[in-house]
Amino acid sequence: PQSAARGIVRRVLTQAPELMDDVVLVADELVGNAVTHAGEA
């Protein structure tokens, strides 16, 4: 799921590349937290 989340962020943010790295990292972290602490995102 983290890889999938990173992929959708990259796809959408091709229009806003200045935010891409930060948003990719945050999406990855949030999905990872959901998997770790809630069992699933």
Full PDB file with SEQRES, HELIX, SHEET, SSBOND, CRYST1, ORIGX, SCALE, CONECT and MASTER records, all heavy atoms in Angstrom:
SEQRES   1 A   41  PRO GLN SER ALA ALA ARG GLY ILE VAL ARG ARG VAL LEU          
SEQRES   2 A   41  THR GLN ALA PRO GLU LEU MET ASP ASP VAL VAL LEU VAL          
SEQRES   3 A   41  ALA ASP GLU LEU VAL GLY ASN ALA VAL THR HIS ALA GLY          
SEQRES   4 A   41  GLU ALA                                                      
HELIX    1 AA1 GLN A    2  VAL A   12  1                                  11    
HELIX    2 AA2 LEU A   13  GLN A   15  5                                   3    
HELIX    3 AA3 PRO A   17  ALA A   38  1                                  22    
CRYST1    1.000    1.000    1.000  90.00  90.00  90.00 P 1           1          
ORIGX1      1.000000  0.000000  0.000000        0.00000                         
ORIGX2      0.000000  1.000000  0.000000        0.00000                         
ORIGX3      0.000000  0.000000  1.000000        0.00000                         
SCALE1      1.000000  0.000000  0.000000        0.00000                         
SCALE2      0.000000  1.000000  0.000000        0.00000                         
SCALE3      0.000000  0.000000  1.000000        0.00000                         
ATOM      1  N   PRO A   1       0.805  -1.227   0.000  1.00  0.00           N  
ATOM      2  CA  PRO A   1       0.000   0.000   0.000  1.00  0.00           C  
ATOM      3  C   PRO A   1       0.836   1.276   0.000  1.00  0.00           C  
ATOM      4  O   PRO A   1       0.432   2.278  -0.591  1.00  0.00           O  
ATOM      5  CB  PRO A   1      -0.841  -0.118   1.271  1.00  0.00           C  
ATOM      6  CG  PRO A   1      -0.085  -1.056   2.144  1.00  0.00           C  
ATOM      7  CD  PRO A   1       0.606  -2.012   1.215  1.00  0.00           C  
ATOM      8  N   GLN A   2       1.996   1.257   0.627  1.00  0.00           N  
ATOM      9  CA  GLN A   2       2.830   2.462   0.640  1.00  0.00           C  
ATOM     10  C   GLN A   2       3.338   2.772  -0.764  1.00  0.00           C  
ATOM     11  O   GLN A   2       3.344   3.925  -1.187  1.00  0.00           O  
ATOM     12  CB  GLN A   2       3.988   2.298   1.622  1.00  0.00           C  
ATOM     13  CG  GLN A   2       3.529   2.393   3.073  1.00  0.00           C  
ATOM     14  CD  GLN A   2       4.630   2.057   4.032  1.00  0.00           C  
ATOM     15  OE1 GLN A   2       4.826   0.897   4.356  1.00  0.00           O  
ATOM     16  NE2 GLN A   2       5.348   3.064   4.491  1.00  0.00           N  
ATOM     17  N   SER A   3       3.738   1.762  -1.485  1.00  0.00           N  
ATOM     18  CA  SER A   3       4.194   1.951  -2.859  1.00  0.00           C  
ATOM     19  C   SER A   3       3.063   2.496  -3.729  1.00  0.00           C  
ATOM     20  O   SER A   3       3.279   3.397  -4.544  1.00  0.00           O  
ATOM     21  CB  SER A   3       4.707   0.628  -3.425  1.00  0.00           C  
ATOM     22  OG  SER A   3       5.089   0.778  -4.763  1.00  0.00           O  
ATOM     23  N   ALA A   4       1.868   1.966  -3.552  1.00  0.00           N  
ATOM     24  CA  ALA A   4       0.714   2.443  -4.320  1.00  0.00           C  
ATOM     25  C   ALA A   4       0.418   3.907  -3.998  1.00  0.00           C  
ATOM     26  O   ALA A   4       0.116   4.706  -4.894  1.00  0.00           O  
ATOM     27  CB  ALA A   4      -0.500   1.572  -4.037  1.00  0.00           C  
ATOM     28  N   ALA A   5       0.512   4.272  -2.711  1.00  0.00           N  
ATOM     29  CA  ALA A   5       0.273   5.663  -2.311  1.00  0.00           C  
ATOM     30  C   ALA A   5       1.321   6.587  -2.926  1.00  0.00           C  
ATOM     31  O   ALA A   5       0.991   7.663  -3.438  1.00  0.00           O  
ATOM     32  CB  ALA A   5       0.277   5.780  -0.793  1.00  0.00           C  
ATOM     33  N   ARG A   6       2.576   6.171  -2.896  1.00  0.00           N  
ATOM     34  CA  ARG A   6       3.622   6.984  -3.513  1.00  0.00           C  
ATOM     35  C   ARG A   6       3.355   7.170  -5.010  1.00  0.00           C  
ATOM     36  O   ARG A   6       3.549   8.253  -5.565  1.00  0.00           O  
ATOM     37  CB  ARG A   6       4.998   6.353  -3.295  1.00  0.00           C  
ATOM     38  CG  ARG A   6       5.481   6.406  -1.857  1.00  0.00           C  
ATOM     39  CD  ARG A   6       6.923   5.973  -1.716  1.00  0.00           C  
ATOM     40  NE  ARG A   6       7.219   4.666  -2.274  1.00  0.00           N  
ATOM     41  CZ  ARG A   6       7.191   3.509  -1.599  1.00  0.00           C  
ATOM     42  NH1 ARG A   6       6.873   3.504  -0.303  1.00  0.00           N  
ATOM     43  NH2 ARG A   6       7.505   2.377  -2.191  1.00  0.00           N  
ATOM     44  N   GLY A   7       2.873   6.119  -5.653  1.00  0.00           N  
ATOM     45  CA  GLY A   7       2.599   6.190  -7.092  1.00  0.00           C  
ATOM     46  C   GLY A   7       1.507   7.176  -7.442  1.00  0.00           C  
ATOM     47  O   GLY A   7       1.642   7.944  -8.399  1.00  0.00           O  
ATOM     48  N   ILE A   8       0.418   7.179  -6.687  1.00  0.00           N  
ATOM     49  CA  ILE A   8      -0.670   8.109  -7.003  1.00  0.00           C  
ATOM     50  C   ILE A   8      -0.236   9.545  -6.732  1.00  0.00           C  
ATOM     51  O   ILE A   8      -0.591  10.459  -7.478  1.00  0.00           O  
ATOM     52  CB  ILE A   8      -1.988   7.749  -6.279  1.00  0.00           C  
ATOM     53  CG1 ILE A   8      -3.142   8.500  -6.936  1.00  0.00           C  
ATOM     54  CG2 ILE A   8      -1.916   8.027  -4.801  1.00  0.00           C  
ATOM     55  CD1 ILE A   8      -4.507   8.044  -6.502  1.00  0.00           C  
ATOM     56  N   VAL A   9       0.557   9.762  -5.688  1.00  0.00           N  
ATOM     57  CA  VAL A   9       1.053  11.112  -5.414  1.00  0.00           C  
ATOM     58  C   VAL A   9       1.934  11.584  -6.572  1.00  0.00           C  
ATOM     59  O   VAL A   9       1.777  12.707  -7.067  1.00  0.00           O  
ATOM     60  CB  VAL A   9       1.815  11.162  -4.076  1.00  0.00           C  
ATOM     61  CG1 VAL A   9       2.544  12.497  -3.913  1.00  0.00           C  
ATOM     62  CG2 VAL A   9       0.866  10.934  -2.906  1.00  0.00           C  
ATOM     63  N   ARG A  10       2.835  10.736  -7.005  1.00  0.00           N  
ATOM     64  CA  ARG A  10       3.711  11.128  -8.124  1.00  0.00           C  
ATOM     65  C   ARG A  10       2.906  11.428  -9.389  1.00  0.00           C  
ATOM     66  O   ARG A  10       3.215  12.374 -10.119  1.00  0.00           O  
ATOM     67  CB  ARG A  10       4.734  10.032  -8.392  1.00  0.00           C  
ATOM     68  CG  ARG A  10       5.827   9.989  -7.357  1.00  0.00           C  
ATOM     69  CD  ARG A  10       6.909   8.985  -7.730  1.00  0.00           C  
ATOM     70  NE  ARG A  10       7.891   8.903  -6.677  1.00  0.00           N  
ATOM     71  CZ  ARG A  10       8.034   7.852  -5.872  1.00  0.00           C  
ATOM     72  NH1 ARG A  10       7.264   6.776  -6.022  1.00  0.00           N  
ATOM     73  NH2 ARG A  10       8.942   7.858  -4.934  1.00  0.00           N  
ATOM     74  N   ARG A  11       1.893  10.623  -9.638  1.00  0.00           N  
ATOM     75  CA  ARG A  11       1.076  10.821 -10.840  1.00  0.00           C  
ATOM     76  C   ARG A  11       0.346  12.163 -10.790  1.00  0.00           C  
ATOM     77  O   ARG A  11       0.343  12.914 -11.766  1.00  0.00           O  
ATOM     78  CB  ARG A  11       0.077   9.678 -10.984  1.00  0.00           C  
ATOM     79  CG  ARG A  11      -0.808   9.830 -12.189  1.00  0.00           C  
ATOM     80  CD  ARG A  11      -1.711   8.645 -12.348  1.00  0.00           C  
ATOM     81  NE  ARG A  11      -2.721   8.918 -13.347  1.00  0.00           N  
ATOM     82  CZ  ARG A  11      -3.866   8.297 -13.417  1.00  0.00           C  
ATOM     83  NH1 ARG A  11      -4.154   7.340 -12.559  1.00  0.00           N  
ATOM     84  NH2 ARG A  11      -4.739   8.609 -14.335  1.00  0.00           N  
ATOM     85  N   VAL A  12      -0.266  12.465  -9.673  1.00  0.00           N  
ATOM     86  CA  VAL A  12      -1.042  13.704  -9.562  1.00  0.00           C  
ATOM     87  C   VAL A  12      -0.129  14.922  -9.488  1.00  0.00           C  
ATOM     88  O   VAL A  12      -0.423  15.957 -10.077  1.00  0.00           O  
ATOM     89  CB  VAL A  12      -1.978  13.642  -8.333  1.00  0.00           C  
ATOM     90  CG1 VAL A  12      -2.633  14.992  -8.068  1.00  0.00           C  
ATOM     91  CG2 VAL A  12      -3.047  12.571  -8.536  1.00  0.00           C  
ATOM     92  N   LEU A  13       0.989  14.803  -8.798  1.00  0.00           N  
ATOM     93  CA  LEU A  13       1.835  15.974  -8.579  1.00  0.00           C  
ATOM     94  C   LEU A  13       2.817  16.247  -9.703  1.00  0.00           C  
ATOM     95  O   LEU A  13       3.700  17.092  -9.549  1.00  0.00           O  
ATOM     96  CB  LEU A  13       2.564  15.867  -7.241  1.00  0.00           C  
ATOM     97  CG  LEU A  13       1.662  16.049  -6.024  1.00  0.00           C  
ATOM     98  CD1 LEU A  13       2.478  16.057  -4.756  1.00  0.00           C  
ATOM     99  CD2 LEU A  13       0.824  17.309  -6.128  1.00  0.00           C  
ATOM    100  N   THR A  14       2.648  15.616 -10.846  1.00  0.00           N  
ATOM    101  CA  THR A  14       3.453  16.019 -11.998  1.00  0.00           C  
ATOM    102  C   THR A  14       3.160  17.477 -12.338  1.00  0.00           C  
ATOM    103  O   THR A  14       3.987  18.160 -12.926  1.00  0.00           O  
ATOM    104  CB  THR A  14       3.178  15.137 -13.233  1.00  0.00           C  
ATOM    105  OG1 THR A  14       1.786  15.194 -13.543  1.00  0.00           O  
ATOM    106  CG2 THR A  14       3.619  13.710 -12.990  1.00  0.00           C  
ATOM    107  N   GLN A  15       1.973  17.963 -11.915  1.00  0.00           N  
ATOM    108  CA  GLN A  15       1.586  19.359 -12.125  1.00  0.00           C  
ATOM    109  C   GLN A  15       2.187  20.288 -11.074  1.00  0.00           C  
ATOM    110  O   GLN A  15       2.125  21.509 -11.222  1.00  0.00           O  
ATOM    111  CB  GLN A  15       0.064  19.491 -12.072  1.00  0.00           C  
ATOM    112  CG  GLN A  15      -0.658  18.646 -13.098  1.00  0.00           C  
ATOM    113  CD  GLN A  15      -2.150  18.676 -12.838  1.00  0.00           C  
ATOM    114  OE1 GLN A  15      -2.748  19.733 -12.773  1.00  0.00           O  
ATOM    115  NE2 GLN A  15      -2.741  17.512 -12.683  1.00  0.00           N  
ATOM    116  N   ALA A  16       2.710  19.724  -9.997  1.00  0.00           N  
ATOM    117  CA  ALA A  16       3.256  20.527  -8.896  1.00  0.00           C  
ATOM    118  C   ALA A  16       4.541  19.886  -8.378  1.00  0.00           C  
ATOM    119  O   ALA A  16       4.615  19.453  -7.231  1.00  0.00           O  
ATOM    120  CB  ALA A  16       2.221  20.642  -7.785  1.00  0.00           C  
ATOM    121  N   PRO A  17       5.579  19.810  -9.211  1.00  0.00           N  
ATOM    122  CA  PRO A  17       6.779  19.073  -8.822  1.00  0.00           C  
ATOM    123  C   PRO A  17       7.503  19.639  -7.604  1.00  0.00           C  
ATOM    124  O   PRO A  17       8.213  18.901  -6.920  1.00  0.00           O  
ATOM    125  CB  PRO A  17       7.660  19.144 -10.072  1.00  0.00           C  
ATOM    126  CG  PRO A  17       7.159  20.299 -10.854  1.00  0.00           C  
ATOM    127  CD  PRO A  17       5.692  20.406 -10.550  1.00  0.00           C  
ATOM    128  N   GLU A  18       7.318  20.924  -7.295  1.00  0.00           N  
ATOM    129  CA  GLU A  18       8.003  21.510  -6.141  1.00  0.00           C  
ATOM    130  C   GLU A  18       7.546  20.911  -4.815  1.00  0.00           C  
ATOM    131  O   GLU A  18       8.255  20.982  -3.826  1.00  0.00           O  
ATOM    132  CB  GLU A  18       7.853  23.042  -6.122  1.00  0.00           C  
ATOM    133  CG  GLU A  18       6.449  23.546  -5.876  1.00  0.00           C  
ATOM    134  CD  GLU A  18       5.591  23.649  -7.132  1.00  0.00           C  
ATOM    135  OE1 GLU A  18       5.924  23.063  -8.176  1.00  0.00           O  
ATOM    136  OE2 GLU A  18       4.557  24.322  -7.053  1.00  0.00           O  
ATOM    137  N   LEU A  19       6.370  20.292  -4.780  1.00  0.00           N  
ATOM    138  CA  LEU A  19       5.870  19.662  -3.562  1.00  0.00           C  
ATOM    139  C   LEU A  19       6.059  18.148  -3.553  1.00  0.00           C  
ATOM    140  O   LEU A  19       5.838  17.504  -2.530  1.00  0.00           O  
ATOM    141  CB  LEU A  19       4.372  19.957  -3.394  1.00  0.00           C  
ATOM    142  CG  LEU A  19       3.985  21.389  -3.094  1.00  0.00           C  
ATOM    143  CD1 LEU A  19       2.468  21.521  -3.017  1.00  0.00           C  
ATOM    144  CD2 LEU A  19       4.624  21.869  -1.809  1.00  0.00           C  
ATOM    145  N   MET A  20       6.436  17.579  -4.668  1.00  0.00           N  
ATOM    146  CA  MET A  20       6.379  16.127  -4.829  1.00  0.00           C  
ATOM    147  C   MET A  20       7.140  15.356  -3.752  1.00  0.00           C  
ATOM    148  O   MET A  20       6.582  14.457  -3.133  1.00  0.00           O  
ATOM    149  CB  MET A  20       6.862  15.694  -6.205  1.00  0.00           C  
ATOM    150  CG  MET A  20       6.640  14.203  -6.377  1.00  0.00           C  
ATOM    151  SD  MET A  20       6.694  13.527  -8.015  1.00  0.00           S  
ATOM    152  CE  MET A  20       5.938  14.676  -9.066  1.00  0.00           C  
ATOM    153  N   ASP A  21       8.400  15.670  -3.508  1.00  0.00           N  
ATOM    154  CA  ASP A  21       9.185  14.887  -2.560  1.00  0.00           C  
ATOM    155  C   ASP A  21       8.562  14.890  -1.165  1.00  0.00           C  
ATOM    156  O   ASP A  21       8.457  13.841  -0.526  1.00  0.00           O  
ATOM    157  CB  ASP A  21      10.622  15.404  -2.493  1.00  0.00           C  
ATOM    158  CG  ASP A  21      11.401  15.144  -3.765  1.00  0.00           C  
ATOM    159  OD1 ASP A  21      10.992  14.271  -4.562  1.00  0.00           O  
ATOM    160  OD2 ASP A  21      12.427  15.821  -3.968  1.00  0.00           O  
ATOM    161  N   ASP A  22       8.152  16.061  -0.694  1.00  0.00           N  
ATOM    162  CA  ASP A  22       7.566  16.152   0.644  1.00  0.00           C  
ATOM    163  C   ASP A  22       6.240  15.404   0.729  1.00  0.00           C  
ATOM    164  O   ASP A  22       5.986  14.675   1.695  1.00  0.00           O  
ATOM    165  CB  ASP A  22       7.355  17.612   1.048  1.00  0.00           C  
ATOM    166  CG  ASP A  22       8.662  18.346   1.316  1.00  0.00           C  
ATOM    167  OD1 ASP A  22       9.732  17.699   1.365  1.00  0.00           O  
ATOM    168  OD2 ASP A  22       8.609  19.582   1.473  1.00  0.00           O  
ATOM    169  N   VAL A  23       5.380  15.554  -0.266  1.00  0.00           N  
ATOM    170  CA  VAL A  23       4.073  14.895  -0.229  1.00  0.00           C  
ATOM    171  C   VAL A  23       4.229  13.379  -0.370  1.00  0.00           C  
ATOM    172  O   VAL A  23       3.544  12.614   0.305  1.00  0.00           O  
ATOM    173  CB  VAL A  23       3.118  15.468  -1.294  1.00  0.00           C  
ATOM    174  CG1 VAL A  23       1.766  14.762  -1.254  1.00  0.00           C  
ATOM    175  CG2 VAL A  23       2.917  16.968  -1.078  1.00  0.00           C  
ATOM    176  N   VAL A  24       5.143  12.932  -1.210  1.00  0.00           N  
ATOM    177  CA  VAL A  24       5.408  11.493  -1.345  1.00  0.00           C  
ATOM    178  C   VAL A  24       5.845  10.919   0.001  1.00  0.00           C  
ATOM    179  O   VAL A  24       5.346   9.883   0.445  1.00  0.00           O  
ATOM    180  CB  VAL A  24       6.464  11.209  -2.445  1.00  0.00           C  
ATOM    181  CG1 VAL A  24       6.989   9.783  -2.352  1.00  0.00           C  
ATOM    182  CG2 VAL A  24       5.881  11.454  -3.822  1.00  0.00           C  
ATOM    183  N   LEU A  25       6.779  11.579   0.667  1.00  0.00           N  
ATOM    184  CA  LEU A  25       7.265  11.092   1.957  1.00  0.00           C  
ATOM    185  C   LEU A  25       6.164  11.079   3.004  1.00  0.00           C  
ATOM    186  O   LEU A  25       6.003  10.095   3.742  1.00  0.00           O  
ATOM    187  CB  LEU A  25       8.448  11.941   2.433  1.00  0.00           C  
ATOM    188  CG  LEU A  25       9.071  11.534   3.764  1.00  0.00           C  
ATOM    189  CD1 LEU A  25       9.512  10.079   3.757  1.00  0.00           C  
ATOM    190  CD2 LEU A  25      10.232  12.457   4.092  1.00  0.00           C  
ATOM    191  N   VAL A  26       5.377  12.132   3.061  1.00  0.00           N  
ATOM    192  CA  VAL A  26       4.298  12.189   4.052  1.00  0.00           C  
ATOM    193  C   VAL A  26       3.240  11.129   3.770  1.00  0.00           C  
ATOM    194  O   VAL A  26       2.786  10.435   4.686  1.00  0.00           O  
ATOM    195  CB  VAL A  26       3.694  13.607   4.121  1.00  0.00           C  
ATOM    196  CG1 VAL A  26       2.368  13.613   4.871  1.00  0.00           C  
ATOM    197  CG2 VAL A  26       4.690  14.556   4.783  1.00  0.00           C  
ATOM    198  N   ALA A  27       2.835  10.956   2.524  1.00  0.00           N  
ATOM    199  CA  ALA A  27       1.858   9.911   2.194  1.00  0.00           C  
ATOM    200  C   ALA A  27       2.385   8.536   2.589  1.00  0.00           C  
ATOM    201  O   ALA A  27       1.664   7.720   3.174  1.00  0.00           O  
ATOM    202  CB  ALA A  27       1.520   9.951   0.705  1.00  0.00           C  
ATOM    203  N   ASP A  28       3.657   8.279   2.294  1.00  0.00           N  
ATOM    204  CA  ASP A  28       4.288   7.019   2.664  1.00  0.00           C  
ATOM    205  C   ASP A  28       4.243   6.808   4.181  1.00  0.00           C  
ATOM    206  O   ASP A  28       3.888   5.726   4.662  1.00  0.00           O  
ATOM    207  CB  ASP A  28       5.730   7.005   2.151  1.00  0.00           C  
ATOM    208  CG  ASP A  28       6.436   5.713   2.453  1.00  0.00           C  
ATOM    209  OD1 ASP A  28       6.314   4.772   1.646  1.00  0.00           O  
ATOM    210  OD2 ASP A  28       7.122   5.627   3.503  1.00  0.00           O  
ATOM    211  N   GLU A  29       4.593   7.836   4.930  1.00  0.00           N  
ATOM    212  CA  GLU A  29       4.592   7.735   6.391  1.00  0.00           C  
ATOM    213  C   GLU A  29       3.192   7.525   6.951  1.00  0.00           C  
ATOM    214  O   GLU A  29       2.988   6.714   7.852  1.00  0.00           O  
ATOM    215  CB  GLU A  29       5.220   8.988   7.021  1.00  0.00           C  
ATOM    216  CG  GLU A  29       6.697   9.123   6.795  1.00  0.00           C  
ATOM    217  CD  GLU A  29       7.526   8.041   7.472  1.00  0.00           C  
ATOM    218  OE1 GLU A  29       7.037   7.379   8.407  1.00  0.00           O  
ATOM    219  OE2 GLU A  29       8.679   7.856   7.062  1.00  0.00           O  
ATOM    220  N   LEU A  30       2.211   8.248   6.421  1.00  0.00           N  
ATOM    221  CA  LEU A  30       0.842   8.109   6.926  1.00  0.00           C  
ATOM    222  C   LEU A  30       0.278   6.726   6.636  1.00  0.00           C  
ATOM    223  O   LEU A  30      -0.396   6.130   7.480  1.00  0.00           O  
ATOM    224  CB  LEU A  30      -0.052   9.200   6.345  1.00  0.00           C  
ATOM    225  CG  LEU A  30       0.274  10.634   6.769  1.00  0.00           C  
ATOM    226  CD1 LEU A  30      -0.677  11.616   6.101  1.00  0.00           C  
ATOM    227  CD2 LEU A  30       0.260  10.780   8.280  1.00  0.00           C  
ATOM    228  N   VAL A  31       0.538   6.208   5.445  1.00  0.00           N  
ATOM    229  CA  VAL A  31       0.071   4.847   5.124  1.00  0.00           C  
ATOM    230  C   VAL A  31       0.795   3.836   6.005  1.00  0.00           C  
ATOM    231  O   VAL A  31       0.176   2.920   6.548  1.00  0.00           O  
ATOM    232  CB  VAL A  31       0.250   4.537   3.623  1.00  0.00           C  
ATOM    233  CG1 VAL A  31      -0.022   3.060   3.333  1.00  0.00           C  
ATOM    234  CG2 VAL A  31      -0.671   5.422   2.789  1.00  0.00           C  
ATOM    235  N   GLY A  32       2.100   4.003   6.176  1.00  0.00           N  
ATOM    236  CA  GLY A  32       2.856   3.102   7.050  1.00  0.00           C  
ATOM    237  C   GLY A  32       2.332   3.113   8.476  1.00  0.00           C  
ATOM    238  O   GLY A  32       2.201   2.066   9.117  1.00  0.00           O  
ATOM    239  N   ASN A  33       2.011   4.299   8.998  1.00  0.00           N  
ATOM    240  CA  ASN A  33       1.438   4.399  10.342  1.00  0.00           C  
ATOM    241  C   ASN A  33       0.094   3.697  10.429  1.00  0.00           C  
ATOM    242  O   ASN A  33      -0.199   3.016  11.417  1.00  0.00           O  
ATOM    243  CB  ASN A  33       1.285   5.857  10.761  1.00  0.00           C  
ATOM    244  CG  ASN A  33       2.592   6.477  11.192  1.00  0.00           C  
ATOM    245  OD1 ASN A  33       3.591   5.808  11.376  1.00  0.00           O  
ATOM    246  ND2 ASN A  33       2.580   7.799  11.329  1.00  0.00           N  
ATOM    247  N   ALA A  34      -0.741   3.868   9.405  1.00  0.00           N  
ATOM    248  CA  ALA A  34      -2.058   3.212   9.414  1.00  0.00           C  
ATOM    249  C   ALA A  34      -1.893   1.696   9.419  1.00  0.00           C  
ATOM    250  O   ALA A  34      -2.592   0.994  10.166  1.00  0.00           O  
ATOM    251  CB  ALA A  34      -2.880   3.662   8.212  1.00  0.00           C  
ATOM    252  N   VAL A  35      -0.985   1.185   8.624  1.00  0.00           N  
ATOM    253  CA  VAL A  35      -0.747  -0.263   8.580  1.00  0.00           C  
ATOM    254  C   VAL A  35      -0.215  -0.754   9.928  1.00  0.00           C  
ATOM    255  O   VAL A  35      -0.693  -1.754  10.474  1.00  0.00           O  
ATOM    256  CB  VAL A  35       0.221  -0.624   7.429  1.00  0.00           C  
ATOM    257  CG1 VAL A  35       0.672  -2.069   7.514  1.00  0.00           C  
ATOM    258  CG2 VAL A  35      -0.435  -0.340   6.075  1.00  0.00           C  
ATOM    259  N   THR A  36       0.757  -0.037  10.476  1.00  0.00           N  
ATOM    260  CA  THR A  36       1.378  -0.449  11.736  1.00  0.00           C  
ATOM    261  C   THR A  36       0.431  -0.357  12.916  1.00  0.00           C  
ATOM    262  O   THR A  36       0.346  -1.282  13.725  1.00  0.00           O  
ATOM    263  CB  THR A  36       2.630   0.413  12.019  1.00  0.00           C  
ATOM    264  OG1 THR A  36       3.559   0.219  10.950  1.00  0.00           O  
ATOM    265  CG2 THR A  36       3.278   0.047  13.343  1.00  0.00           C  
ATOM    266  N   HIS A  37      -0.296   0.738  13.039  1.00  0.00           N  
ATOM    267  CA  HIS A  37      -1.081   0.995  14.246  1.00  0.00           C  
ATOM    268  C   HIS A  37      -2.553   0.630  14.129  1.00  0.00           C  
ATOM    269  O   HIS A  37      -3.212   0.431  15.151  1.00  0.00           O  
ATOM    270  CB  HIS A  37      -0.934   2.457  14.660  1.00  0.00           C  
ATOM    271  CG  HIS A  37       0.476   2.837  14.949  1.00  0.00           C  
ATOM    272  ND1 HIS A  37       1.182   2.368  16.039  1.00  0.00           N  
ATOM    273  CD2 HIS A  37       1.349   3.623  14.265  1.00  0.00           C  
ATOM    274  CE1 HIS A  37       2.407   2.847  16.023  1.00  0.00           C  
ATOM    275  NE2 HIS A  37       2.540   3.620  14.945  1.00  0.00           N  
ATOM    276  N   ALA A  38      -3.091   0.548  12.920  1.00  0.00           N  
ATOM    277  CA  ALA A  38      -4.513   0.217  12.749  1.00  0.00           C  
ATOM    278  C   ALA A  38      -4.704  -1.083  11.966  1.00  0.00           C  
ATOM    279  O   ALA A  38      -5.833  -1.502  11.757  1.00  0.00           O  
ATOM    280  CB  ALA A  38      -5.238   1.363  12.042  1.00  0.00           C  
ATOM    281  N   GLY A  39      -3.622  -1.676  11.501  1.00  0.00           N  
ATOM    282  CA  GLY A  39      -3.714  -2.941  10.778  1.00  0.00           C  
ATOM    283  C   GLY A  39      -3.859  -2.807   9.283  1.00  0.00           C  
ATOM    284  O   GLY A  39      -3.546  -3.735   8.544  1.00  0.00           O  
ATOM    285  N   GLU A  40      -4.325  -1.643   8.829  1.00  0.00           N  
ATOM    286  CA  GLU A  40      -4.529  -1.448   7.398  1.00  0.00           C  
ATOM    287  C   GLU A  40      -4.875   0.008   7.123  1.00  0.00           C  
ATOM    288  O   GLU A  40      -5.569   0.651   7.896  1.00  0.00           O  
ATOM    289  CB  GLU A  40      -5.690  -2.337   6.930  1.00  0.00           C  
ATOM    290  CG  GLU A  40      -6.029  -2.231   5.472  1.00  0.00           C  
ATOM    291  CD  GLU A  40      -7.168  -3.161   5.062  1.00  0.00           C  
ATOM    292  OE1 GLU A  40      -8.241  -3.127   5.700  1.00  0.00           O  
ATOM    293  OE2 GLU A  40      -6.963  -3.905   4.098  1.00  0.00           O  
ATOM    294  N   ALA A  41      -4.380   0.509   6.004  1.00  0.00           N  
ATOM    295  CA  ALA A  41      -4.814   1.814   5.499  1.00  0.00           C  
ATOM    296  C   ALA A  41      -5.968   1.536   4.547  1.00  0.00           C  
ATOM    297  O   ALA A  41      -5.869   0.656   3.692  1.00  0.00           O  
ATOM    298  CB  ALA A  41      -3.680   2.524   4.783  1.00  0.00           C  
TER     299      ALA A  41                                                      
MASTER        0    0    0    3    0    0    0    6  298    1    0    4          
END                                                                             
